[in-house]
Full PDB file with SEQRES, HELIX, SHEET, SSBOND, CRYST1, ORIGX, SCALE, CONECT and MASTER records, all heavy atoms in Angstrom:
SEQRES   1 A   39  GLY MET LEU TYR TRP GLY TRP ASP ILE ALA GLY PHE SER          
SEQRES   2 A   39  GLY GLU ILE PRO THR PRO GLU LEU TYR LEU ARG SER MET          
SEQRES   3 A   39  ALA ALA ALA ALA PHE VAL PRO ILE MET GLN TYR HIS SER          
HELIX    1 AA1 PRO A   19  ALA A   29  1                                  11    
CRYST1    1.000    1.000    1.000  90.00  90.00  90.00 P 1           1          
ORIGX1      1.000000  0.000000  0.000000        0.00000                         
ORIGX2      0.000000  1.000000  0.000000        0.00000                         
ORIGX3      0.000000  0.000000  1.000000        0.00000                         
SCALE1      1.000000  0.000000  0.000000        0.00000                         
SCALE2      0.000000  1.000000  0.000000        0.00000                         
SCALE3      0.000000  0.000000  1.000000        0.00000                         
ATOM      1  N   GLY A   1      12.789  15.418   1.044  1.00  0.00           N  
ATOM      2  CA  GLY A   1      11.981  16.390   1.769  1.00  0.00           C  
ATOM      3  C   GLY A   1      10.481  16.274   1.612  1.00  0.00           C  
ATOM      4  O   GLY A   1       9.756  17.142   2.102  1.00  0.00           O  
ATOM      5  N   MET A   2       9.987  15.212   0.951  1.00  0.00           N  
ATOM      6  CA  MET A   2       8.545  15.029   0.814  1.00  0.00           C  
ATOM      7  C   MET A   2       8.019  14.392   2.097  1.00  0.00           C  
ATOM      8  O   MET A   2       8.213  13.206   2.337  1.00  0.00           O  
ATOM      9  CB  MET A   2       8.232  14.163  -0.407  1.00  0.00           C  
ATOM     10  CG  MET A   2       8.757  14.716  -1.719  1.00  0.00           C  
ATOM     11  SD  MET A   2       8.217  16.409  -2.113  1.00  0.00           S  
ATOM     12  CE  MET A   2       6.441  16.242  -2.074  1.00  0.00           C  
ATOM     13  N   LEU A   3       7.364  15.168   2.916  1.00  0.00           N  
ATOM     14  CA  LEU A   3       6.973  14.698   4.242  1.00  0.00           C  
ATOM     15  C   LEU A   3       5.821  13.704   4.185  1.00  0.00           C  
ATOM     16  O   LEU A   3       5.874  12.643   4.808  1.00  0.00           O  
ATOM     17  CB  LEU A   3       6.583  15.887   5.118  1.00  0.00           C  
ATOM     18  CG  LEU A   3       6.324  15.527   6.582  1.00  0.00           C  
ATOM     19  CD1 LEU A   3       7.634  15.380   7.328  1.00  0.00           C  
ATOM     20  CD2 LEU A   3       5.449  16.573   7.258  1.00  0.00           C  
ATOM     21  N   TYR A   4       4.759  14.056   3.445  1.00  0.00           N  
ATOM     22  CA  TYR A   4       3.548  13.232   3.399  1.00  0.00           C  
ATOM     23  C   TYR A   4       3.568  12.385   2.129  1.00  0.00           C  
ATOM     24  O   TYR A   4       3.134  12.817   1.061  1.00  0.00           O  
ATOM     25  CB  TYR A   4       2.304  14.118   3.442  1.00  0.00           C  
ATOM     26  CG  TYR A   4       2.106  14.836   4.755  1.00  0.00           C  
ATOM     27  CD1 TYR A   4       2.484  16.176   4.901  1.00  0.00           C  
ATOM     28  CD2 TYR A   4       1.560  14.184   5.845  1.00  0.00           C  
ATOM     29  CE1 TYR A   4       2.295  16.844   6.107  1.00  0.00           C  
ATOM     30  CE2 TYR A   4       1.375  14.852   7.063  1.00  0.00           C  
ATOM     31  CZ  TYR A   4       1.744  16.173   7.180  1.00  0.00           C  
ATOM     32  OH  TYR A   4       1.569  16.834   8.381  1.00  0.00           O  
ATOM     33  N   TRP A   5       4.073  11.161   2.269  1.00  0.00           N  
ATOM     34  CA  TRP A   5       4.235  10.270   1.108  1.00  0.00           C  
ATOM     35  C   TRP A   5       3.522   8.950   1.374  1.00  0.00           C  
ATOM     36  O   TRP A   5       3.495   8.443   2.498  1.00  0.00           O  
ATOM     37  CB  TRP A   5       5.714   9.993   0.841  1.00  0.00           C  
ATOM     38  CG  TRP A   5       5.939   8.997  -0.265  1.00  0.00           C  
ATOM     39  CD1 TRP A   5       6.091   9.260  -1.592  1.00  0.00           C  
ATOM     40  CD2 TRP A   5       5.997   7.568  -0.143  1.00  0.00           C  
ATOM     41  NE1 TRP A   5       6.235   8.088  -2.311  1.00  0.00           N  
ATOM     42  CE2 TRP A   5       6.184   7.032  -1.437  1.00  0.00           C  
ATOM     43  CE3 TRP A   5       5.901   6.672   0.933  1.00  0.00           C  
ATOM     44  CZ2 TRP A   5       6.274   5.652  -1.683  1.00  0.00           C  
ATOM     45  CZ3 TRP A   5       5.989   5.304   0.691  1.00  0.00           C  
ATOM     46  CH2 TRP A   5       6.179   4.809  -0.604  1.00  0.00           C  
ATOM     47  N   GLY A   6       2.980   8.362   0.307  1.00  0.00           N  
ATOM     48  CA  GLY A   6       2.402   7.024   0.398  1.00  0.00           C  
ATOM     49  C   GLY A   6       2.336   6.380  -0.961  1.00  0.00           C  
ATOM     50  O   GLY A   6       2.777   6.945  -1.970  1.00  0.00           O  
ATOM     51  N   TRP A   7       1.790   5.175  -1.011  1.00  0.00           N  
ATOM     52  CA  TRP A   7       1.636   4.476  -2.293  1.00  0.00           C  
ATOM     53  C   TRP A   7       0.353   3.670  -2.251  1.00  0.00           C  
ATOM     54  O   TRP A   7      -0.278   3.534  -1.196  1.00  0.00           O  
ATOM     55  CB  TRP A   7       2.859   3.606  -2.585  1.00  0.00           C  
ATOM     56  CG  TRP A   7       2.840   2.189  -2.067  1.00  0.00           C  
ATOM     57  CD1 TRP A   7       2.586   1.063  -2.797  1.00  0.00           C  
ATOM     58  CD2 TRP A   7       3.081   1.728  -0.723  1.00  0.00           C  
ATOM     59  NE1 TRP A   7       2.667  -0.051  -1.991  1.00  0.00           N  
ATOM     60  CE2 TRP A   7       2.973   0.329  -0.728  1.00  0.00           C  
ATOM     61  CE3 TRP A   7       3.375   2.375   0.481  1.00  0.00           C  
ATOM     62  CZ2 TRP A   7       3.146  -0.447   0.432  1.00  0.00           C  
ATOM     63  CZ3 TRP A   7       3.552   1.611   1.633  1.00  0.00           C  
ATOM     64  CH2 TRP A   7       3.443   0.232   1.598  1.00  0.00           C  
ATOM     65  N   ASP A   8      -0.089   3.164  -3.387  1.00  0.00           N  
ATOM     66  CA  ASP A   8      -1.286   2.332  -3.458  1.00  0.00           C  
ATOM     67  C   ASP A   8      -0.952   0.973  -2.842  1.00  0.00           C  
ATOM     68  O   ASP A   8      -0.194   0.188  -3.425  1.00  0.00           O  
ATOM     69  CB  ASP A   8      -1.736   2.145  -4.906  1.00  0.00           C  
ATOM     70  CG  ASP A   8      -2.194   3.444  -5.558  1.00  0.00           C  
ATOM     71  OD1 ASP A   8      -2.588   4.365  -4.828  1.00  0.00           O  
ATOM     72  OD2 ASP A   8      -2.159   3.522  -6.796  1.00  0.00           O  
ATOM     73  N   ILE A   9      -1.500   0.698  -1.684  1.00  0.00           N  
ATOM     74  CA  ILE A   9      -1.167  -0.518  -0.953  1.00  0.00           C  
ATOM     75  C   ILE A   9      -1.342  -1.746  -1.846  1.00  0.00           C  
ATOM     76  O   ILE A   9      -2.415  -1.966  -2.417  1.00  0.00           O  
ATOM     77  CB  ILE A   9      -2.045  -0.642   0.303  1.00  0.00           C  
ATOM     78  CG1 ILE A   9      -1.677   0.457   1.307  1.00  0.00           C  
ATOM     79  CG2 ILE A   9      -1.909  -2.021   0.939  1.00  0.00           C  
ATOM     80  CD1 ILE A   9      -2.630   0.552   2.479  1.00  0.00           C  
ATOM     81  N   ALA A  10      -0.261  -2.502  -2.004  1.00  0.00           N  
ATOM     82  CA  ALA A  10      -0.248  -3.736  -2.798  1.00  0.00           C  
ATOM     83  C   ALA A  10      -0.542  -3.499  -4.274  1.00  0.00           C  
ATOM     84  O   ALA A  10      -0.868  -4.429  -5.002  1.00  0.00           O  
ATOM     85  CB  ALA A  10      -1.219  -4.769  -2.226  1.00  0.00           C  
ATOM     86  N   GLY A  11      -0.399  -2.256  -4.743  1.00  0.00           N  
ATOM     87  CA  GLY A  11      -0.618  -1.947  -6.158  1.00  0.00           C  
ATOM     88  C   GLY A  11      -2.084  -1.742  -6.472  1.00  0.00           C  
ATOM     89  O   GLY A  11      -2.976  -2.201  -5.755  1.00  0.00           O  
ATOM     90  N   PHE A  12      -2.353  -1.046  -7.585  1.00  0.00           N  
ATOM     91  CA  PHE A  12      -3.749  -0.730  -7.914  1.00  0.00           C  
ATOM     92  C   PHE A  12      -4.206  -1.337  -9.234  1.00  0.00           C  
ATOM     93  O   PHE A  12      -5.381  -1.279  -9.573  1.00  0.00           O  
ATOM     94  CB  PHE A  12      -3.938   0.792  -7.936  1.00  0.00           C  
ATOM     95  CG  PHE A  12      -3.860   1.457  -9.296  1.00  0.00           C  
ATOM     96  CD1 PHE A  12      -4.873   2.284  -9.734  1.00  0.00           C  
ATOM     97  CD2 PHE A  12      -2.782   1.254 -10.150  1.00  0.00           C  
ATOM     98  CE1 PHE A  12      -4.820   2.913 -10.974  1.00  0.00           C  
ATOM     99  CE2 PHE A  12      -2.719   1.870 -11.378  1.00  0.00           C  
ATOM    100  CZ  PHE A  12      -3.744   2.706 -11.802  1.00  0.00           C  
ATOM    101  N   SER A  13      -3.289  -1.957  -9.998  1.00  0.00           N  
ATOM    102  CA  SER A  13      -3.607  -2.345 -11.370  1.00  0.00           C  
ATOM    103  C   SER A  13      -3.490  -3.849 -11.563  1.00  0.00           C  
ATOM    104  O   SER A  13      -2.660  -4.515 -10.942  1.00  0.00           O  
ATOM    105  CB  SER A  13      -2.653  -1.637 -12.341  1.00  0.00           C  
ATOM    106  OG  SER A  13      -2.969  -1.953 -13.681  1.00  0.00           O  
ATOM    107  N   GLY A  14      -4.324  -4.350 -12.474  1.00  0.00           N  
ATOM    108  CA  GLY A  14      -4.264  -5.765 -12.822  1.00  0.00           C  
ATOM    109  C   GLY A  14      -5.057  -6.613 -11.849  1.00  0.00           C  
ATOM    110  O   GLY A  14      -5.909  -6.134 -11.094  1.00  0.00           O  
ATOM    111  N   GLU A  15      -4.780  -7.904 -11.867  1.00  0.00           N  
ATOM    112  CA  GLU A  15      -5.458  -8.830 -10.971  1.00  0.00           C  
ATOM    113  C   GLU A  15      -5.142  -8.464  -9.526  1.00  0.00           C  
ATOM    114  O   GLU A  15      -4.107  -7.881  -9.223  1.00  0.00           O  
ATOM    115  CB  GLU A  15      -5.014 -10.264 -11.272  1.00  0.00           C  
ATOM    116  CG  GLU A  15      -5.799 -11.346 -10.539  1.00  0.00           C  
ATOM    117  CD  GLU A  15      -7.308 -11.164 -10.611  1.00  0.00           C  
ATOM    118  OE1 GLU A  15      -7.910 -11.591 -11.604  1.00  0.00           O  
ATOM    119  OE2 GLU A  15      -7.868 -10.574  -9.656  1.00  0.00           O  
ATOM    120  N   ILE A  16      -6.066  -8.801  -8.648  1.00  0.00           N  
ATOM    121  CA  ILE A  16      -5.886  -8.441  -7.243  1.00  0.00           C  
ATOM    122  C   ILE A  16      -4.643  -9.113  -6.672  1.00  0.00           C  
ATOM    123  O   ILE A  16      -4.201 -10.151  -7.141  1.00  0.00           O  
ATOM    124  CB  ILE A  16      -7.124  -8.822  -6.406  1.00  0.00           C  
ATOM    125  CG1 ILE A  16      -7.365 -10.331  -6.465  1.00  0.00           C  
ATOM    126  CG2 ILE A  16      -8.339  -8.036  -6.855  1.00  0.00           C  
ATOM    127  CD1 ILE A  16      -8.390 -10.812  -5.461  1.00  0.00           C  
ATOM    128  N   PRO A  17      -4.065  -8.510  -5.634  1.00  0.00           N  
ATOM    129  CA  PRO A  17      -2.905  -9.131  -5.000  1.00  0.00           C  
ATOM    130  C   PRO A  17      -3.294 -10.384  -4.224  1.00  0.00           C  
ATOM    131  O   PRO A  17      -4.455 -10.565  -3.838  1.00  0.00           O  
ATOM    132  CB  PRO A  17      -2.409  -8.035  -4.053  1.00  0.00           C  
ATOM    133  CG  PRO A  17      -3.614  -7.217  -3.751  1.00  0.00           C  
ATOM    134  CD  PRO A  17      -4.431  -7.228  -5.010  1.00  0.00           C  
ATOM    135  N   THR A  18      -2.311 -11.218  -3.991  1.00  0.00           N  
ATOM    136  CA  THR A  18      -2.536 -12.370  -3.123  1.00  0.00           C  
ATOM    137  C   THR A  18      -2.756 -11.889  -1.696  1.00  0.00           C  
ATOM    138  O   THR A  18      -2.353 -10.771  -1.335  1.00  0.00           O  
ATOM    139  CB  THR A  18      -1.324 -13.304  -3.141  1.00  0.00           C  
ATOM    140  OG1 THR A  18      -0.192 -12.611  -2.583  1.00  0.00           O  
ATOM    141  CG2 THR A  18      -0.993 -13.763  -4.560  1.00  0.00           C  
ATOM    142  N   PRO A  19      -3.388 -12.713  -0.855  1.00  0.00           N  
ATOM    143  CA  PRO A  19      -3.533 -12.306   0.546  1.00  0.00           C  
ATOM    144  C   PRO A  19      -2.195 -11.984   1.202  1.00  0.00           C  
ATOM    145  O   PRO A  19      -2.099 -11.040   1.996  1.00  0.00           O  
ATOM    146  CB  PRO A  19      -4.205 -13.514   1.193  1.00  0.00           C  
ATOM    147  CG  PRO A  19      -4.927 -14.200   0.086  1.00  0.00           C  
ATOM    148  CD  PRO A  19      -4.068 -13.998  -1.131  1.00  0.00           C  
ATOM    149  N   GLU A  20      -1.158 -12.743   0.878  1.00  0.00           N  
ATOM    150  CA  GLU A  20       0.143 -12.490   1.477  1.00  0.00           C  
ATOM    151  C   GLU A  20       0.678 -11.118   1.084  1.00  0.00           C  
ATOM    152  O   GLU A  20       1.110 -10.335   1.946  1.00  0.00           O  
ATOM    153  CB  GLU A  20       1.139 -13.575   1.076  1.00  0.00           C  
ATOM    154  CG  GLU A  20       2.513 -13.376   1.694  1.00  0.00           C  
ATOM    155  CD  GLU A  20       3.537 -14.377   1.192  1.00  0.00           C  
ATOM    156  OE1 GLU A  20       3.237 -15.140   0.241  1.00  0.00           O  
ATOM    157  OE2 GLU A  20       4.665 -14.377   1.734  1.00  0.00           O  
ATOM    158  N   LEU A  21       0.664 -10.795  -0.214  1.00  0.00           N  
ATOM    159  CA  LEU A  21       1.157  -9.494  -0.657  1.00  0.00           C  
ATOM    160  C   LEU A  21       0.306  -8.372  -0.074  1.00  0.00           C  
ATOM    161  O   LEU A  21       0.827  -7.335   0.361  1.00  0.00           O  
ATOM    162  CB  LEU A  21       1.155  -9.427  -2.189  1.00  0.00           C  
ATOM    163  CG  LEU A  21       1.522  -8.073  -2.805  1.00  0.00           C  
ATOM    164  CD1 LEU A  21       2.898  -7.613  -2.354  1.00  0.00           C  
ATOM    165  CD2 LEU A  21       1.461  -8.157  -4.340  1.00  0.00           C  
ATOM    166  N   TYR A  22      -1.006  -8.575  -0.042  1.00  0.00           N  
ATOM    167  CA  TYR A  22      -1.907  -7.542   0.472  1.00  0.00           C  
ATOM    168  C   TYR A  22      -1.606  -7.240   1.940  1.00  0.00           C  
ATOM    169  O   TYR A  22      -1.483  -6.070   2.342  1.00  0.00           O  
ATOM    170  CB  TYR A  22      -3.350  -8.013   0.310  1.00  0.00           C  
ATOM    171  CG  TYR A  22      -4.392  -6.957   0.595  1.00  0.00           C  
ATOM    172  CD1 TYR A  22      -4.624  -5.914  -0.294  1.00  0.00           C  
ATOM    173  CD2 TYR A  22      -5.171  -7.020   1.751  1.00  0.00           C  
ATOM    174  CE1 TYR A  22      -5.597  -4.948  -0.043  1.00  0.00           C  
ATOM    175  CE2 TYR A  22      -6.148  -6.075   2.011  1.00  0.00           C  
ATOM    176  CZ  TYR A  22      -6.361  -5.033   1.112  1.00  0.00           C  
ATOM    177  OH  TYR A  22      -7.329  -4.089   1.366  1.00  0.00           O  
ATOM    178  N   LEU A  23      -1.463  -8.285   2.742  1.00  0.00           N  
ATOM    179  CA  LEU A  23      -1.245  -8.065   4.170  1.00  0.00           C  
ATOM    180  C   LEU A  23       0.165  -7.582   4.463  1.00  0.00           C  
ATOM    181  O   LEU A  23       0.362  -6.744   5.357  1.00  0.00           O  
ATOM    182  CB  LEU A  23      -1.559  -9.342   4.943  1.00  0.00           C  
ATOM    183  CG  LEU A  23      -3.046  -9.735   4.953  1.00  0.00           C  
ATOM    184  CD1 LEU A  23      -3.258 -11.030   5.731  1.00  0.00           C  
ATOM    185  CD2 LEU A  23      -3.914  -8.622   5.532  1.00  0.00           C  
ATOM    186  N   ARG A  24       1.168  -8.078   3.744  1.00  0.00           N  
ATOM    187  CA  ARG A  24       2.523  -7.553   3.937  1.00  0.00           C  
ATOM    188  C   ARG A  24       2.565  -6.061   3.582  1.00  0.00           C  
ATOM    189  O   ARG A  24       3.209  -5.267   4.277  1.00  0.00           O  
ATOM    190  CB  ARG A  24       3.510  -8.318   3.066  1.00  0.00           C  
ATOM    191  CG  ARG A  24       3.784  -9.752   3.484  1.00  0.00           C  
ATOM    192  CD  ARG A  24       4.598  -9.828   4.748  1.00  0.00           C  
ATOM    193  NE  ARG A  24       5.080 -11.166   5.010  1.00  0.00           N  
ATOM    194  CZ  ARG A  24       5.254 -11.680   6.217  1.00  0.00           C  
ATOM    195  NH1 ARG A  24       4.986 -10.950   7.299  1.00  0.00           N  
ATOM    196  NH2 ARG A  24       5.705 -12.913   6.373  1.00  0.00           N  
ATOM    197  N   SER A  25       1.896  -5.678   2.512  1.00  0.00           N  
ATOM    198  CA  SER A  25       1.871  -4.270   2.117  1.00  0.00           C  
ATOM    199  C   SER A  25       1.097  -3.438   3.124  1.00  0.00           C  
ATOM    200  O   SER A  25       1.507  -2.324   3.487  1.00  0.00           O  
ATOM    201  CB  SER A  25       1.249  -4.118   0.727  1.00  0.00           C  
ATOM    202  OG  SER A  25       1.988  -4.807  -0.245  1.00  0.00           O  
ATOM    203  N   MET A  26      -0.041  -3.965   3.585  1.00  0.00           N  
ATOM    204  CA  MET A  26      -0.840  -3.245   4.577  1.00  0.00           C  
ATOM    205  C   MET A  26      -0.043  -3.043   5.857  1.00  0.00           C  
ATOM    206  O   MET A  26      -0.060  -1.949   6.460  1.00  0.00           O  
ATOM    207  CB  MET A  26      -2.121  -4.027   4.868  1.00  0.00           C  
ATOM    208  CG  MET A  26      -3.126  -3.308   5.735  1.00  0.00           C  
ATOM    209  SD  MET A  26      -3.978  -1.920   4.914  1.00  0.00           S  
ATOM    210  CE  MET A  26      -5.007  -2.781   3.709  1.00  0.00           C  
ATOM    211  N   ALA A  27       0.705  -4.072   6.263  1.00  0.00           N  
ATOM    212  CA  ALA A  27       1.503  -3.975   7.482  1.00  0.00           C  
ATOM    213  C   ALA A  27       2.592  -2.919   7.351  1.00  0.00           C  
ATOM    214  O   ALA A  27       2.873  -2.167   8.299  1.00  0.00           O  
ATOM    215  CB  ALA A  27       2.119  -5.339   7.799  1.00  0.00           C  
ATOM    216  N   ALA A  28       3.225  -2.840   6.172  1.00  0.00           N  
ATOM    217  CA  ALA A  28       4.250  -1.815   5.951  1.00  0.00           C  
ATOM    218  C   ALA A  28       3.627  -0.428   5.865  1.00  0.00           C  
ATOM    219  O   ALA A  28       4.164   0.550   6.409  1.00  0.00           O  
ATOM    220  CB  ALA A  28       5.031  -2.126   4.681  1.00  0.00           C  
ATOM    221  N   ALA A  29       2.469  -0.327   5.200  1.00  0.00           N  
ATOM    222  CA  ALA A  29       1.826   0.975   4.997  1.00  0.00           C  
ATOM    223  C   ALA A  29       1.369   1.598   6.310  1.00  0.00           C  
ATOM    224  O   ALA A  29       1.214   2.820   6.399  1.00  0.00           O  
ATOM    225  CB  ALA A  29       0.645   0.833   4.049  1.00  0.00           C  
ATOM    226  N   ALA A  30       1.165   0.788   7.332  1.00  0.00           N  
ATOM    227  CA  ALA A  30       0.791   1.337   8.631  1.00  0.00           C  
ATOM    228  C   ALA A  30       1.894   2.217   9.203  1.00  0.00           C  
ATOM    229  O   ALA A  30       1.645   3.006  10.124  1.00  0.00           O  
ATOM    230  CB  ALA A  30       0.473   0.202   9.601  1.00  0.00           C  
ATOM    231  N   PHE A  31       3.098   2.099   8.631  1.00  0.00           N  
ATOM    232  CA  PHE A  31       4.249   2.836   9.145  1.00  0.00           C  
ATOM    233  C   PHE A  31       4.883   3.723   8.080  1.00  0.00           C  
ATOM    234  O   PHE A  31       6.087   3.919   8.062  1.00  0.00           O  
ATOM    235  CB  PHE A  31       5.263   1.852   9.737  1.00  0.00           C  
ATOM    236  CG  PHE A  31       4.708   1.089  10.899  1.00  0.00           C  
ATOM    237  CD1 PHE A  31       4.180  -0.178  10.718  1.00  0.00           C  
ATOM    238  CD2 PHE A  31       4.662   1.660  12.159  1.00  0.00           C  
ATOM    239  CE1 PHE A  31       3.638  -0.881  11.780  1.00  0.00           C  
ATOM    240  CE2 PHE A  31       4.125   0.966  13.236  1.00  0.00           C  
ATOM    241  CZ  PHE A  31       3.608  -0.315  13.045  1.00  0.00           C  
ATOM    242  N   VAL A  32       4.050   4.257   7.184  1.00  0.00           N  
ATOM    243  CA  VAL A  32       4.476   5.330   6.293  1.00  0.00           C  
ATOM    244  C   VAL A  32       3.503   6.496   6.497  1.00  0.00           C  
ATOM    245  O   VAL A  32       2.410   6.312   7.043  1.00  0.00           O  
ATOM    246  CB  VAL A  32       4.516   4.894   4.807  1.00  0.00           C  
ATOM    247  CG1 VAL A  32       5.417   3.688   4.623  1.00  0.00           C  
ATOM    248  CG2 VAL A  32       3.135   4.619   4.264  1.00  0.00           C  
ATOM    249  N   PRO A  33       3.868   7.695   6.098  1.00  0.00           N  
ATOM    250  CA  PRO A  33       3.013   8.852   6.410  1.00  0.00           C  
ATOM    251  C   PRO A  33       1.598   8.776   5.848  1.00  0.00           C  
ATOM    252  O   PRO A  33       0.641   9.157   6.523  1.00  0.00           O  
ATOM    253  CB  PRO A  33       3.798  10.023   5.809  1.00  0.00           C  
ATOM    254  CG  PRO A  33       5.233   9.574   5.878  1.00  0.00           C  
ATOM    255  CD  PRO A  33       5.190   8.110   5.585  1.00  0.00           C  
ATOM    256  N   ILE A  34       1.434   8.328   4.599  1.00  0.00           N  
ATOM    257  CA  ILE A  34       0.111   8.213   3.986  1.00  0.00           C  
ATOM    258  C   ILE A  34      -0.196   6.732   3.784  1.00  0.00           C  
ATOM    259  O   ILE A  34       0.538   6.019   3.095  1.00  0.00           O  
ATOM    260  CB  ILE A  34       0.047   8.946   2.633  1.00  0.00           C  
ATOM    261  CG1 ILE A  34       0.329  10.445   2.807  1.00  0.00           C  
ATOM    262  CG2 ILE A  34      -1.313   8.724   1.968  1.00  0.00           C  
ATOM    263  CD1 ILE A  34      -0.727  11.211   3.570  1.00  0.00           C  
ATOM    264  N   MET A  35      -1.277   6.267   4.380  1.00  0.00           N  
ATOM    265  CA  MET A  35      -1.706   4.862   4.292  1.00  0.00           C  
ATOM    266  C   MET A  35      -2.977   4.820   3.461  1.00  0.00           C  
ATOM    267  O   MET A  35      -4.037   5.232   3.924  1.00  0.00           O  
ATOM    268  CB  MET A  35      -1.954   4.312   5.696  1.00  0.00           C  
ATOM    269  CG  MET A  35      -2.348   2.853   5.751  1.00  0.00           C  
ATOM    270  SD  MET A  35      -2.773   2.357   7.449  1.00  0.00           S  
ATOM    271  CE  MET A  35      -2.926   0.584   7.239  1.00  0.00           C  
ATOM    272  N   GLN A  36      -2.880   4.331   2.218  1.00  0.00           N  
ATOM    273  CA  GLN A  36      -4.068   4.377   1.358  1.00  0.00           C  
ATOM    274  C   GLN A  36      -4.102   3.219   0.380  1.00  0.00           C  
ATOM    275  O   GLN A  36      -3.078   2.762  -0.123  1.00  0.00           O  
ATOM    276  CB  GLN A  36      -4.137   5.709   0.603  1.00  0.00           C  
ATOM    277  CG  GLN A  36      -3.035   5.942  -0.411  1.00  0.00           C  
ATOM    278  CD  GLN A  36      -3.495   5.817  -1.861  1.00  0.00           C  
ATOM    279  OE1 GLN A  36      -4.669   5.977  -2.172  1.00  0.00           O  
ATOM    280  NE2 GLN A  36      -2.559   5.528  -2.752  1.00  0.00           N  
ATOM    281  N   TYR A  37      -5.336   2.728   0.142  1.00  0.00           N  
ATOM    282  CA  TYR A  37      -5.524   1.719  -0.903  1.00  0.00           C  
ATOM    283  C   TYR A  37      -6.354   2.319  -2.032  1.00  0.00           C  
ATOM    284  O   TYR A  37      -7.153   3.236  -1.837  1.00  0.00           O  
ATOM    285  CB  TYR A  37      -6.161   0.436  -0.355  1.00  0.00           C  
ATOM    286  CG  TYR A  37      -7.616   0.540   0.084  1.00  0.00           C  
ATOM    287  CD1 TYR A  37      -8.663   0.527  -0.843  1.00  0.00           C  
ATOM    288  CD2 TYR A  37      -7.956   0.606   1.434  1.00  0.00           C  
ATOM    289  CE1 TYR A  37      -9.982   0.604  -0.453  1.00  0.00           C  
ATOM    290  CE2 TYR A  37      -9.279   0.681   1.847  1.00  0.00           C  
ATOM    291  CZ  TYR A  37     -10.290   0.677   0.896  1.00  0.00           C  
ATOM    292  OH  TYR A  37     -11.612   0.761   1.282  1.00  0.00           O  
ATOM    293  N   HIS A  38      -6.163   1.776  -3.227  1.00  0.00           N  
ATOM    294  CA  HIS A  38      -6.834   2.310  -4.418  1.00  0.00           C  
ATOM    295  C   HIS A  38      -6.843   1.218  -5.477  1.00  0.00           C  
ATOM    296  O   HIS A  38      -6.000   0.311  -5.469  1.00  0.00           O  
ATOM    297  CB  HIS A  38      -6.091   3.544  -4.929  1.00  0.00           C  
ATOM    298  CG  HIS A  38      -6.681   4.156  -6.162  1.00  0.00           C  
ATOM    299  ND1 HIS A  38      -8.015   4.481  -6.267  1.00  0.00           N  
ATOM    300  CD2 HIS A  38      -6.123   4.504  -7.350  1.00  0.00           C  
ATOM    301  CE1 HIS A  38      -8.253   5.003  -7.458  1.00  0.00           C  
ATOM    302  NE2 HIS A  38      -7.125   5.028  -8.133  1.00  0.00           N  
ATOM    303  N   SER A  39      -7.788   1.288  -6.403  1.00  0.00           N  
ATOM    304  CA  SER A  39      -7.852   0.305  -7.489  1.00  0.00           C  
ATOM    305  C   SER A  39      -8.214   0.974  -8.796  1.00  0.00           C  
ATOM    306  O   SER A  39      -8.915   1.992  -8.832  1.00  0.00           O  
ATOM    307  CB  SER A  39      -8.872  -0.788  -7.167  1.00  0.00           C  
ATOM    308  OG  SER A  39     -10.143  -0.227  -6.876  1.00  0.00           O  
TER     309      SER A  39                                                      
MASTER        0    0    0    1    0    0    0    6  308    1    0    3          
END                                                                             
């Protein structure tokens, strides 16, 4: 029942994600209720 849900796109901790992981995550996040990146 949590309507407005999201996650830190491609993770927020450690070394930066690879371009592939970043874009795959960004593409998926476009289709979840909350689309957000954080570090």
